[in-house]
C-alpha atoms as a PDB file:
ATOM      1  CA  HIS A   1      49.593 -68.106 -18.057  1.00  0.00           C
ATOM      2  CA  ALA A   2      46.363 -66.520 -17.245  1.00  0.00           C
ATOM      3  CA  ASP A   3      45.852 -68.646 -14.256  1.00  0.00           C
ATOM      4  CA  GLN A   4      48.992 -67.220 -12.782  1.00  0.00           C
ATOM      5  CA  PRO A   5      48.218 -64.996  -9.748  1.00  0.00           C
ATOM      6  CA  TRP A   6      50.457 -61.898 -11.332  1.00  0.00           C
ATOM      7  CA  CYS A   7      48.611 -62.170 -14.779  1.00  0.00           C
ATOM      8  CA  ARG A   8      45.086 -61.440 -13.258  1.00  0.00           C
ATOM      9  CA  LYS A   9      43.814 -58.093 -13.275  1.00  0.00           C
ATOM     10  CA  MET A  10      42.176 -56.385 -10.445  1.00  0.00           C
ATOM     11  CA  THR A  11      39.103 -54.510 -10.784  1.00  0.00           C
ATOM     12  CA  THR A  12      38.556 -51.585  -8.536  1.00  0.00           C
ATOM     13  CA  PRO A  13      35.596 -49.187  -8.384  1.00  0.00           C
ATOM     14  CA  ALA A  14      36.117 -45.761 -10.287  1.00  0.00           C
ATOM     15  CA  PRO A  15      37.642 -43.298  -7.595  1.00  0.00           C
ATOM     16  CA  ASP A  16      35.847 -40.100  -6.916  1.00  0.00           C
ATOM     17  CA  SER A  17      38.185 -36.922  -6.918  1.00  0.00           C
ATOM     18  CA  THR A  18      35.521 -35.136  -4.626  1.00  0.00           C
ATOM     19  CA  ALA A  19      37.793 -35.422  -1.849  1.00  0.00           C
ATOM     20  CA  PHE A  20      40.814 -34.059  -3.585  1.00  0.00           C
ATOM     21  CA  TRP A  21      38.806 -30.672  -4.446  1.00  0.00           C
ATOM     22  CA  VAL A  22      37.559 -30.735  -0.816  1.00  0.00           C
ATOM     23  CA  GLY A  23      40.958 -30.911   0.402  1.00  0.00           C
ATOM     24  CA  THR A  24      42.019 -28.246  -1.947  1.00  0.00           C
ATOM     25  CA  PHE A  25      39.367 -25.684  -0.910  1.00  0.00           C
ATOM     26  CA  VAL A  26      40.222 -26.173   2.744  1.00  0.00           C
ATOM     27  CA  TYR A  27      44.111 -25.338   1.952  1.00  0.00           C
ATOM     28  CA  ILE A  28      42.775 -22.386  -0.060  1.00  0.00           C
ATOM     29  CA  ALA A  29      40.481 -21.298   2.961  1.00  0.00           C
ATOM     30  CA  LEU A  30      43.393 -21.899   5.729  1.00  0.00           C
ATOM     31  CA  GLY A  31      45.754 -19.950   3.327  1.00  0.00           C
ATOM     32  CA  ILE A  32      43.325 -16.959   3.134  1.00  0.00           C
ATOM     33  CA  LEU A  33      42.772 -16.914   6.922  1.00  0.00           C
ATOM     34  CA  ALA A  34      46.416 -17.018   7.772  1.00  0.00           C
ATOM     35  CA  CYS A  35      46.959 -14.134   5.584  1.00  0.00           C
ATOM     36  CA  GLY A  36      44.052 -12.321   7.012  1.00  0.00           C
ATOM     37  CA  ILE A  37      45.255 -13.161  10.540  1.00  0.00           C
ATOM     38  CA  SER A  38      48.943 -11.756   9.624  1.00  0.00           C
ATOM     39  CA  ALA A  39      47.200  -8.550   8.293  1.00  0.00           C
ATOM     40  CA  CYS A  40      45.401  -7.809  11.304  1.00  0.00           C
ATOM     41  CA  LEU A  41      48.567  -8.532  13.453  1.00  0.00           C
ATOM     42  CA  GLY A  42      50.397  -6.248  11.224  1.00  0.00           C
ATOM     43  CA  THR A  43      48.587  -3.369  12.389  1.00  0.00           C
ATOM     44  CA  THR A  44      50.075  -3.993  16.115  1.00  0.00           C
ATOM     45  CA  ARG A  45      53.404  -3.962  17.472  1.00  0.00           C
ATOM     46  CA  VAL A  46      54.101  -7.582  16.721  1.00  0.00           C
ATOM     47  CA  LEU A  47      54.683  -7.591  12.900  1.00  0.00           C
ATOM     48  CA  LYS A  48      55.020  -3.845  12.273  1.00  0.00           C
ATOM     49  CA  GLY A  49      56.337  -3.007   8.959  1.00  0.00           C
ATOM     50  CA  GLN A  50      56.600  -7.104   7.897  1.00  0.00           C
ATOM     51  CA  VAL A  51      53.126  -7.558   6.679  1.00  0.00           C
ATOM     52  CA  GLY A  52      54.211  -8.137   3.069  1.00  0.00           C
ATOM     53  CA  LEU A  53      56.987 -10.370   4.197  1.00  0.00           C
ATOM     54  CA  THR A  54      54.843 -12.267   6.482  1.00  0.00           C
ATOM     55  CA  THR A  55      51.734 -12.586   3.774  1.00  0.00           C
ATOM     56  CA  THR A  56      54.297 -13.769   1.155  1.00  0.00           C
ATOM     57  CA  LEU A  57      55.832 -16.371   3.696  1.00  0.00           C
ATOM     58  CA  LEU A  58      52.447 -17.621   4.614  1.00  0.00           C
ATOM     59  CA  THR A  59      51.107 -17.913   0.977  1.00  0.00           C
ATOM     60  CA  ILE A  60      54.308 -19.876  -0.053  1.00  0.00           C
ATOM     61  CA  SER A  61      54.070 -22.123   2.932  1.00  0.00           C
ATOM     62  CA  THR A  62      50.485 -22.845   2.321  1.00  0.00           C
ATOM     63  CA  ILE A  63      51.138 -23.759  -1.701  1.00  0.00           C
ATOM     64  CA  CYS A  64      54.128 -26.107  -0.594  1.00  0.00           C
ATOM     65  CA  MET A  65      51.809 -27.780   2.188  1.00  0.00           C
ATOM     66  CA  TRP A  66      49.207 -27.999  -0.535  1.00  0.00           C
ATOM     67  CA  MET A  67      51.618 -29.600  -3.074  1.00  0.00           C
ATOM     68  CA  MET A  68      52.670 -32.258  -0.385  1.00  0.00           C
ATOM     69  CA  TRP A  69      49.308 -33.231   0.526  1.00  0.00           C
ATOM     70  CA  ALA A  70      48.169 -33.440  -3.159  1.00  0.00           C
ATOM     71  CA  MET A  71      51.327 -35.579  -4.237  1.00  0.00           C
ATOM     72  CA  THR A  72      50.606 -37.797  -1.230  1.00  0.00           C
ATOM     73  CA  TRP A  73      46.710 -37.847  -1.945  1.00  0.00           C
ATOM     74  CA  LEU A  74      47.226 -38.643  -5.605  1.00  0.00           C
ATOM     75  CA  MET A  75      49.780 -41.484  -5.148  1.00  0.00           C
ATOM     76  CA  GLN A  76      47.149 -43.205  -2.985  1.00  0.00           C
ATOM     77  CA  TRP A  77      44.396 -42.447  -5.539  1.00  0.00           C
ATOM     78  CA  HIS A  78      45.476 -45.126  -8.116  1.00  0.00           C
ATOM     79  CA  PRO A  79      47.841 -47.228  -6.457  1.00  0.00           C
ATOM     80  CA  ILE A  80      49.925 -50.037  -8.221  1.00  0.00           C
ATOM     81  CA  ILE A  81      48.998 -53.117  -6.258  1.00  0.00           C
ATOM     82  CA  ARG A  82      51.580 -55.257  -8.004  1.00  0.00           C
ATOM     83  CA  PRO A  83      53.120 -54.941 -11.686  1.00  0.00           C
ATOM     84  CA  GLU A  84      51.242 -56.183 -14.603  1.00  0.00           C
ATOM     85  CA  ARG A  85      52.884 -58.110 -17.547  1.00  0.00           C
ATOM     86  CA  GLU A  86      52.072 -56.674 -21.010  1.00  0.00           C
ATOM     87  CA  ASP A  87      53.239 -59.345 -23.012  1.00  0.00           C
ATOM     88  CA  ASP A  88      51.752 -62.492 -23.934  1.00  0.00           C
ATOM     89  CA  HIS A  89      54.488 -64.776 -22.257  1.00  0.00           C
END
């Protein structure tokens, strides 16, 4: 049965995780930048007295967005092209 298309294994080159780490550091930088901007705006009338709440909101939002991006990226990193049978039938 090795001649069946569903029995053949596909070989793919070893994936590189550099893009994942670059994307992670981009999210870290954007989160720090957003918190810095909110801290600067907190000294004005716009966010008076809400700096702690705004920083917490931005931090949690950045982490949630990074988690969604990371899950999507990781699912596409090792895609299952088609199911592979493990038995010898």
